[in-house]
């Protein structure tokens, strides 16, 4: 049986992908992350490694014996991370991509799957944005978007010079159970940030900017299914794919869904607009026609259903009074930025 290395396996997309592949049973799984893996991964049969993959020797050790590498590991977070940690995320993410590309070349893997980002299209003027628009799309202004585009260049260059077989996936705004909001607004992704505010009784609900910014929220399970389809299909070889949700929603519309799924009175929904950050993409809406046509992949989980899952999971993790106006109990919070495998919905 072939073995797949998943980097950033402890992140939200990583955990969804481990579950997906474990259920499929088509690969032996090696799950690597700088953070310790949860015990359930070993119980599902995955080999787990706690390792710093910026070190080439460690990246080579993790890659050895693997036919496939799915590279998710990166510094991620909400819009605050993009603006507050530009050098840190650029340095770290480039080091990760460089070490793993080289290890994949040296090991002669059958497929290197690079997790890019819809942020490479942050200055797009064509919607829904197709993959073949990228050469004409203005370069990203954010360090995060530019670094993700740089990672694509690492991947394509490794193919051009050394013949590395690759697939590039650009997820939409990934969301789903598994992430608690951080203490500082804008550091977390938009949906857990909004859920924390609503469950905490905030009224009016604070959002960044006008609320007219649009996003294509994509459930983690749909993202995982898209990655597997792209990584294993012959049609995915040396191709790039948008893996995104069907619904283009404004941040205001997303906030209203969160409000309602948290059990708040729809008639009391009010927003307070606060200044956004220097980089806040006004519109993000990806075409997924190529993935549908070549891979047979389409998103299946609606935004409302996914947010309902997230609210239920969040209540179970941090404890919230049963009434909609109940206050949020103190609970564990994730660090502002982690070397993990989750794409940002901000």
Protein backbone atom coordinates (compact mmCIF):
# COMPACT_ATOMS: atom_id res chain seq x y z
CA UNK A 1 0.00 0.00 0.00
CA UNK A 2 1.23 3.51 -0.81
CA UNK A 3 2.09 5.91 2.01
CA UNK A 4 1.10 9.58 2.13
CA UNK A 5 2.80 12.26 4.21
CA UNK A 6 0.41 14.96 5.46
CA UNK A 7 2.20 18.01 6.79
CA UNK A 8 0.34 20.34 9.12
CA UNK A 9 -1.75 17.31 10.07
CA UNK A 10 -2.87 18.77 13.41
CA UNK A 11 -4.49 21.80 11.74
CA UNK A 12 -8.17 21.84 10.85
CA UNK A 13 -7.77 20.83 7.21
CA UNK A 14 -5.11 18.34 8.23
CA UNK A 15 -7.34 16.58 10.74
CA UNK A 16 -10.21 16.46 8.24
CA UNK A 17 -7.83 14.99 5.67
CA UNK A 18 -6.46 12.34 8.05
CA UNK A 19 -10.01 11.23 8.85
CA UNK A 20 -10.95 11.16 5.18
CA UNK A 21 -7.94 9.06 4.14
CA UNK A 22 -8.27 6.75 7.14
CA UNK A 23 -11.88 6.07 6.16
CA UNK A 24 -10.90 5.50 2.52
CA UNK A 25 -8.17 3.05 3.51
CA UNK A 26 -6.25 3.65 0.28
CA UNK A 27 -3.03 4.93 1.91
CA UNK A 28 -0.88 4.34 4.90
CA UNK A 29 -0.84 7.72 6.64
CA UNK A 30 2.12 9.57 8.10
CA UNK A 31 0.87 12.67 9.94
CA UNK A 32 3.51 15.32 10.66
CA UNK A 33 3.21 18.56 12.60
CA UNK A 34 5.23 20.70 14.99
CA UNK A 35 2.49 20.09 17.58
CA UNK A 36 1.72 16.67 19.09
CA UNK A 37 -0.93 14.69 17.25
CA UNK A 38 -4.16 13.78 19.05
CA UNK A 39 -4.36 10.17 20.19
CA UNK A 40 -7.22 9.38 17.80
CA UNK A 41 -4.85 9.63 14.82
CA UNK A 42 -2.76 6.71 16.09
CA UNK A 43 -5.95 4.83 16.93
CA UNK A 44 -6.99 5.21 13.27
CA UNK A 45 -3.67 3.68 12.25
CA UNK A 46 -1.73 6.82 11.29
CA UNK A 47 1.96 7.12 12.03
CA UNK A 48 2.51 10.45 13.78
CA UNK A 49 5.61 12.64 13.83
CA UNK A 50 6.20 15.77 15.91
CA UNK A 51 8.82 17.53 13.83
CA UNK A 52 10.06 20.91 12.57
CA UNK A 53 9.77 20.52 8.81
CA UNK A 54 11.72 23.71 8.11
CA UNK A 55 14.82 21.57 8.71
CA UNK A 56 15.68 19.71 5.51
CA UNK A 57 16.96 16.65 7.41
CA UNK A 58 13.66 16.39 9.26
CA UNK A 59 11.68 16.99 6.07
CA UNK A 60 13.66 14.24 4.34
CA UNK A 61 13.05 11.85 7.25
CA UNK A 62 9.33 12.57 7.14
CA UNK A 63 9.16 12.13 3.35
CA UNK A 64 11.20 8.92 3.15
CA UNK A 65 9.15 5.98 1.88
CA UNK A 66 6.16 8.13 0.88
CA UNK A 67 4.64 8.04 -2.59
CA UNK A 68 2.57 11.18 -1.96
CA UNK A 69 3.20 14.37 0.00
CA UNK A 70 0.29 16.67 0.82
CA UNK A 71 1.86 19.87 2.09
CA UNK A 72 -0.54 21.83 4.29
CA UNK A 73 1.84 23.14 6.96
CA UNK A 74 1.97 26.94 7.17
CA UNK A 75 1.49 29.86 9.50
CA UNK A 76 -2.18 30.68 9.18
CA UNK A 77 -4.86 32.73 10.88
CA UNK A 78 -7.24 35.59 10.33
CA UNK A 79 -6.75 38.96 8.73
CA UNK A 80 -4.80 40.17 11.76
CA UNK A 81 -2.04 37.63 11.15
CA UNK A 82 -1.62 38.80 7.57
CA UNK A 83 -1.02 42.34 8.72
CA UNK A 84 0.88 41.77 11.97
CA UNK A 85 3.20 38.89 11.06
CA UNK A 86 4.23 39.50 7.44
CA UNK A 87 7.92 38.62 7.82
CA UNK A 88 7.34 35.73 10.22
CA UNK A 89 4.85 33.98 7.98
CA UNK A 90 6.94 34.63 4.85
CA UNK A 91 10.12 33.29 6.44
CA UNK A 92 8.45 30.24 7.97
CA UNK A 93 6.24 29.26 5.07
CA UNK A 94 9.03 29.63 2.51
CA UNK A 95 11.33 27.50 4.68
CA UNK A 96 8.68 24.80 4.95
CA UNK A 97 7.96 24.75 1.23
CA UNK A 98 11.62 24.81 0.24
CA UNK A 99 12.62 21.94 2.54
CA UNK A 100 9.66 19.77 1.57
CA UNK A 101 9.99 20.39 -2.18
CA UNK A 102 13.64 19.39 -2.01
CA UNK A 103 12.82 16.31 0.07
CA UNK A 104 10.10 15.32 -2.42
CA UNK A 105 12.56 15.73 -5.31
CA UNK A 106 15.23 13.68 -3.57
CA UNK A 107 12.79 10.95 -2.54
CA UNK A 108 11.23 10.78 -6.02
CA UNK A 109 7.62 10.98 -4.84
CA UNK A 110 4.79 10.19 -7.23
CA UNK A 111 2.84 13.35 -6.39
CA UNK A 112 3.62 16.52 -4.42
CA UNK A 113 0.41 18.32 -3.50
CA UNK A 114 0.86 21.96 -2.52
CA UNK A 115 -1.85 23.69 -0.55
CA UNK A 116 -1.97 27.20 -1.94
CA UNK A 117 -4.71 29.74 -1.18
CA UNK A 118 -7.51 31.75 -2.70
CA UNK A 119 -5.44 34.73 -1.50
CA UNK A 120 -3.30 34.42 -4.63
CA UNK A 121 -6.36 35.98 -6.32
CA UNK A 122 -6.74 38.79 -3.78
CA UNK A 123 -6.64 41.47 -6.51
CA UNK A 124 -8.77 39.57 -9.03
CA UNK A 125 -11.15 41.47 -11.31
CA UNK A 126 -12.79 38.40 -12.90
CA UNK A 127 -15.52 36.52 -10.98
CA UNK A 128 -16.03 33.71 -10.39
CA UNK A 129 -12.27 33.51 -10.73
CA UNK A 130 -10.98 30.56 -12.82
CA UNK A 131 -7.57 28.96 -12.56
CA UNK A 132 -6.42 30.16 -15.98
CA UNK A 133 -6.87 33.79 -14.90
CA UNK A 134 -3.89 33.59 -12.52
CA UNK A 135 -1.21 34.70 -15.07
CA UNK A 136 -3.22 37.89 -15.68
CA UNK A 137 -4.20 38.52 -12.06
CA UNK A 138 -2.31 41.38 -10.35
CA UNK A 139 0.16 40.11 -7.76
CA UNK A 140 -1.13 39.92 -4.18
CA UNK A 141 -0.40 42.86 -1.86
CA UNK A 142 -0.46 40.83 1.35
CA UNK A 143 2.62 38.91 2.47
CA UNK A 144 0.43 35.84 2.91
CA UNK A 145 -1.01 35.92 -0.61
CA UNK A 146 2.40 36.63 -2.12
CA UNK A 147 4.04 33.83 -0.13
CA UNK A 148 1.38 31.35 -1.24
CA UNK A 149 2.05 32.37 -4.84
CA UNK A 150 5.77 31.91 -4.16
CA UNK A 151 5.03 28.39 -2.94
CA UNK A 152 3.32 27.69 -6.23
CA UNK A 153 6.47 28.86 -8.00
CA UNK A 154 8.62 26.55 -5.84
CA UNK A 155 6.35 23.68 -6.86
CA UNK A 156 6.24 24.47 -10.57
CA UNK A 157 9.99 25.14 -10.67
CA UNK A 158 10.70 21.76 -9.07
CA UNK A 159 8.61 20.19 -11.82
CA UNK A 160 10.30 22.13 -14.61
CA UNK A 161 13.85 21.44 -13.42
CA UNK A 162 13.57 18.01 -11.79
CA UNK A 163 10.31 16.59 -13.13
CA UNK A 164 8.56 16.61 -9.74
CA UNK A 165 4.93 15.51 -10.34
CA UNK A 166 2.64 18.02 -8.63
CA UNK A 167 -0.88 19.20 -7.97
CA UNK A 168 -1.79 22.64 -6.62
CA UNK A 169 -4.99 23.14 -4.61
CA UNK A 170 -6.40 26.59 -3.81
CA UNK A 171 -9.06 26.21 -1.13
CA UNK A 172 -11.75 28.77 -0.55
CA UNK A 173 -12.40 30.10 2.91
CA UNK A 174 -12.19 26.85 4.88
CA UNK A 175 -14.40 26.51 7.93
CA UNK A 176 -15.75 23.82 10.21
CA UNK A 177 -15.59 22.46 13.74
CA UNK A 178 -12.16 22.47 15.35
CA UNK A 179 -11.11 26.09 15.91
CA UNK A 180 -11.80 28.29 18.92
CA UNK A 181 -11.50 32.05 18.61
CA UNK A 182 -8.40 33.77 19.94
CA UNK A 183 -8.44 36.61 22.41
CA UNK A 184 -7.62 39.29 19.86
CA UNK A 185 -10.14 40.12 17.11
CA UNK A 186 -8.80 39.44 13.62
CA UNK A 187 -6.28 36.81 14.69
CA UNK A 188 -8.79 33.98 14.37
CA UNK A 189 -10.72 33.09 11.24
CA UNK A 190 -13.93 34.94 10.65
CA UNK A 191 -16.50 32.25 11.54
CA UNK A 192 -15.09 31.18 14.94
CA UNK A 193 -14.47 34.85 15.72
CA UNK A 194 -18.12 35.70 15.03
CA UNK A 195 -19.39 32.65 16.93
CA UNK A 196 -17.37 33.65 20.00
CA UNK A 197 -18.76 37.17 19.89
CA UNK A 198 -22.37 36.07 19.51
CA UNK A 199 -22.20 33.34 22.16
CA UNK A 200 -20.49 35.85 24.43
CA UNK A 201 -23.53 38.13 24.18
CA UNK A 202 -21.99 40.91 22.10
CA UNK A 203 -24.60 43.36 20.82
CA UNK A 204 -24.33 45.00 18.37
CA UNK A 205 -22.06 42.47 16.71
CA UNK A 206 -18.69 43.88 15.64
CA UNK A 207 -17.33 43.18 12.18
CA UNK A 208 -14.37 44.60 10.25
CA UNK A 209 -15.16 47.06 7.49
CA UNK A 210 -18.42 47.61 5.64
CA UNK A 211 -19.55 43.98 5.70
CA UNK A 212 -19.92 44.04 1.92
CA UNK A 213 -16.74 41.98 1.44
CA UNK A 214 -17.61 38.57 -0.01
CA UNK A 215 -16.23 35.13 0.78
CA UNK A 216 -16.76 31.57 -0.47
CA UNK A 217 -16.88 29.54 2.74
CA UNK A 218 -15.90 25.92 2.12
CA UNK A 219 -16.50 23.19 4.69
CA UNK A 220 -13.42 21.30 5.87
CA UNK A 221 -14.87 17.97 4.77
CA UNK A 222 -15.44 19.33 1.27
CA UNK A 223 -11.88 20.69 1.19
CA UNK A 224 -10.52 17.30 2.28
CA UNK A 225 -12.57 15.52 -0.39
CA UNK A 226 -11.28 17.94 -3.03
CA UNK A 227 -7.66 17.44 -1.99
CA UNK A 228 -7.99 13.64 -2.14
CA UNK A 229 -9.65 13.82 -5.56
CA UNK A 230 -6.92 16.12 -6.90
CA UNK A 231 -4.07 14.12 -5.34
CA UNK A 232 -5.19 10.71 -6.57
CA UNK A 233 -6.74 11.38 -9.97
CA UNK A 234 -4.60 11.07 -13.12
CA UNK A 235 -6.47 14.19 -14.29
CA UNK A 236 -4.94 16.11 -11.39
CA UNK A 237 -1.34 15.50 -12.45
CA UNK A 238 0.57 18.78 -12.94
CA UNK A 239 -2.65 20.78 -12.66
CA UNK A 240 -4.05 23.43 -10.34
CA UNK A 241 -7.56 23.48 -8.88
CA UNK A 242 -9.81 25.85 -7.00
CA UNK A 243 -11.48 23.93 -4.16
CA UNK A 244 -14.19 26.30 -2.98
CA UNK A 245 -17.79 26.61 -1.89
CA UNK A 246 -20.65 27.43 -4.24
CA UNK A 247 -22.08 30.31 -2.21
CA UNK A 248 -20.69 33.83 -2.46
CA UNK A 249 -21.80 35.55 0.74
CA UNK A 250 -21.05 38.96 2.19
CA UNK A 251 -19.51 39.14 5.64
CA UNK A 252 -22.81 40.69 6.76
CA UNK A 253 -24.72 37.67 5.46
CA UNK A 254 -22.26 35.30 7.18
CA UNK A 255 -22.66 37.25 10.43
CA UNK A 256 -26.44 36.98 10.21
CA UNK A 257 -26.27 33.20 9.72
CA UNK A 258 -23.98 32.91 12.74
CA UNK A 259 -26.36 35.08 14.77
CA UNK A 260 -29.36 32.93 13.89
CA UNK A 261 -27.58 29.58 14.35
CA UNK A 262 -26.46 30.72 17.82
CA UNK A 263 -30.12 31.09 18.68
CA UNK A 264 -30.32 34.88 18.79
CA UNK A 265 -33.47 36.75 17.82
CA UNK A 266 -33.22 37.62 14.09
CA UNK A 267 -35.04 40.90 14.72
CA UNK A 268 -32.29 42.00 17.13
CA UNK A 269 -29.46 41.52 14.63
CA UNK A 270 -27.37 44.69 14.55
CA UNK A 271 -23.81 45.35 13.41
CA UNK A 272 -21.13 47.74 14.59
CA UNK A 273 -18.53 48.41 11.91
CA UNK A 274 -14.92 48.80 13.03
CA UNK A 275 -11.93 49.82 10.94
CA UNK A 276 -10.45 46.95 9.00
CA UNK A 277 -6.79 46.22 8.28
CA UNK A 278 -4.64 47.49 5.43
CA UNK A 279 -5.27 44.30 3.45
CA UNK A 280 -8.89 43.14 3.45
CA UNK A 281 -9.92 41.53 0.16
CA UNK A 282 -13.18 43.09 -1.08
CA UNK A 283 -14.33 40.08 -3.10
CA UNK A 284 -13.33 36.44 -3.14
CA UNK A 285 -15.39 34.12 -5.32
CA UNK A 286 -13.74 31.19 -7.12
CA UNK A 287 -14.86 29.15 -10.10
CA UNK A 288 -14.82 25.40 -9.42
CA UNK A 289 -15.81 24.32 -12.93
CA UNK A 290 -12.37 22.79 -13.59
CA UNK A 291 -12.52 20.62 -10.46
CA UNK A 292 -16.04 19.52 -11.36
CA UNK A 293 -15.10 18.72 -14.95
CA UNK A 294 -11.76 16.96 -14.39
CA UNK A 295 -12.14 15.51 -10.88
CA UNK A 296 -15.87 15.11 -10.46
CA UNK A 297 -15.64 17.14 -7.25
CA UNK A 298 -18.27 19.55 -6.01
CA UNK A 299 -18.88 21.03 -2.54
CA UNK A 300 -21.75 19.33 -0.72
CA UNK A 301 -22.11 21.02 2.69
CA UNK A 302 -23.96 24.33 2.84
CA UNK A 303 -22.68 27.31 4.78
CA UNK A 304 -25.64 27.25 7.16
CA UNK A 305 -25.25 23.54 7.90
CA UNK A 306 -21.52 23.98 8.50
CA UNK A 307 -22.03 26.93 10.83
CA UNK A 308 -24.66 24.96 12.75
CA UNK A 309 -22.01 22.24 13.28
CA UNK A 310 -19.47 24.83 14.42
CA UNK A 311 -21.82 26.41 16.94
CA UNK A 312 -22.64 23.01 18.44
CA UNK A 313 -18.95 22.07 18.61
CA UNK A 314 -17.97 25.41 20.15
CA UNK A 315 -20.63 25.07 22.86
CA UNK A 316 -19.31 21.60 23.69
CA UNK A 317 -15.72 22.85 23.96
CA UNK A 318 -15.99 26.02 25.99
CA UNK A 319 -19.32 25.83 27.78
CA UNK A 320 -22.03 28.39 27.18
CA UNK A 321 -25.12 29.07 29.25
CA UNK A 322 -28.23 27.50 27.73
CA UNK A 323 -29.96 30.82 27.03
CA UNK A 324 -28.93 32.68 23.87
CA UNK A 325 -27.86 35.62 26.00
CA UNK A 326 -25.64 33.42 28.19
CA UNK A 327 -22.00 34.36 28.63
CA UNK A 328 -19.12 32.31 27.38
CA UNK A 329 -17.17 30.38 29.99
CA UNK A 330 -13.42 30.59 30.05
CA UNK A 331 -11.82 27.92 27.92
CA UNK A 332 -8.58 26.99 26.20
CA UNK A 333 -7.52 29.35 23.45
CA UNK A 334 -5.23 28.56 20.51
CA UNK A 335 -2.05 30.61 20.00
CA UNK A 336 -2.18 33.59 17.61
CA UNK A 337 -0.33 31.68 14.90
CA UNK A 338 0.66 28.06 14.47
CA UNK A 339 2.56 26.05 11.93
CA UNK A 340 -0.53 24.09 11.01
CA UNK A 341 -2.64 23.23 8.03
CA UNK A 342 -5.65 25.50 7.81
CA UNK A 343 -6.57 28.07 5.21
CA UNK A 344 -7.82 31.41 6.34
CA UNK A 345 -11.40 32.52 5.71
CA UNK A 346 -10.64 36.22 6.28
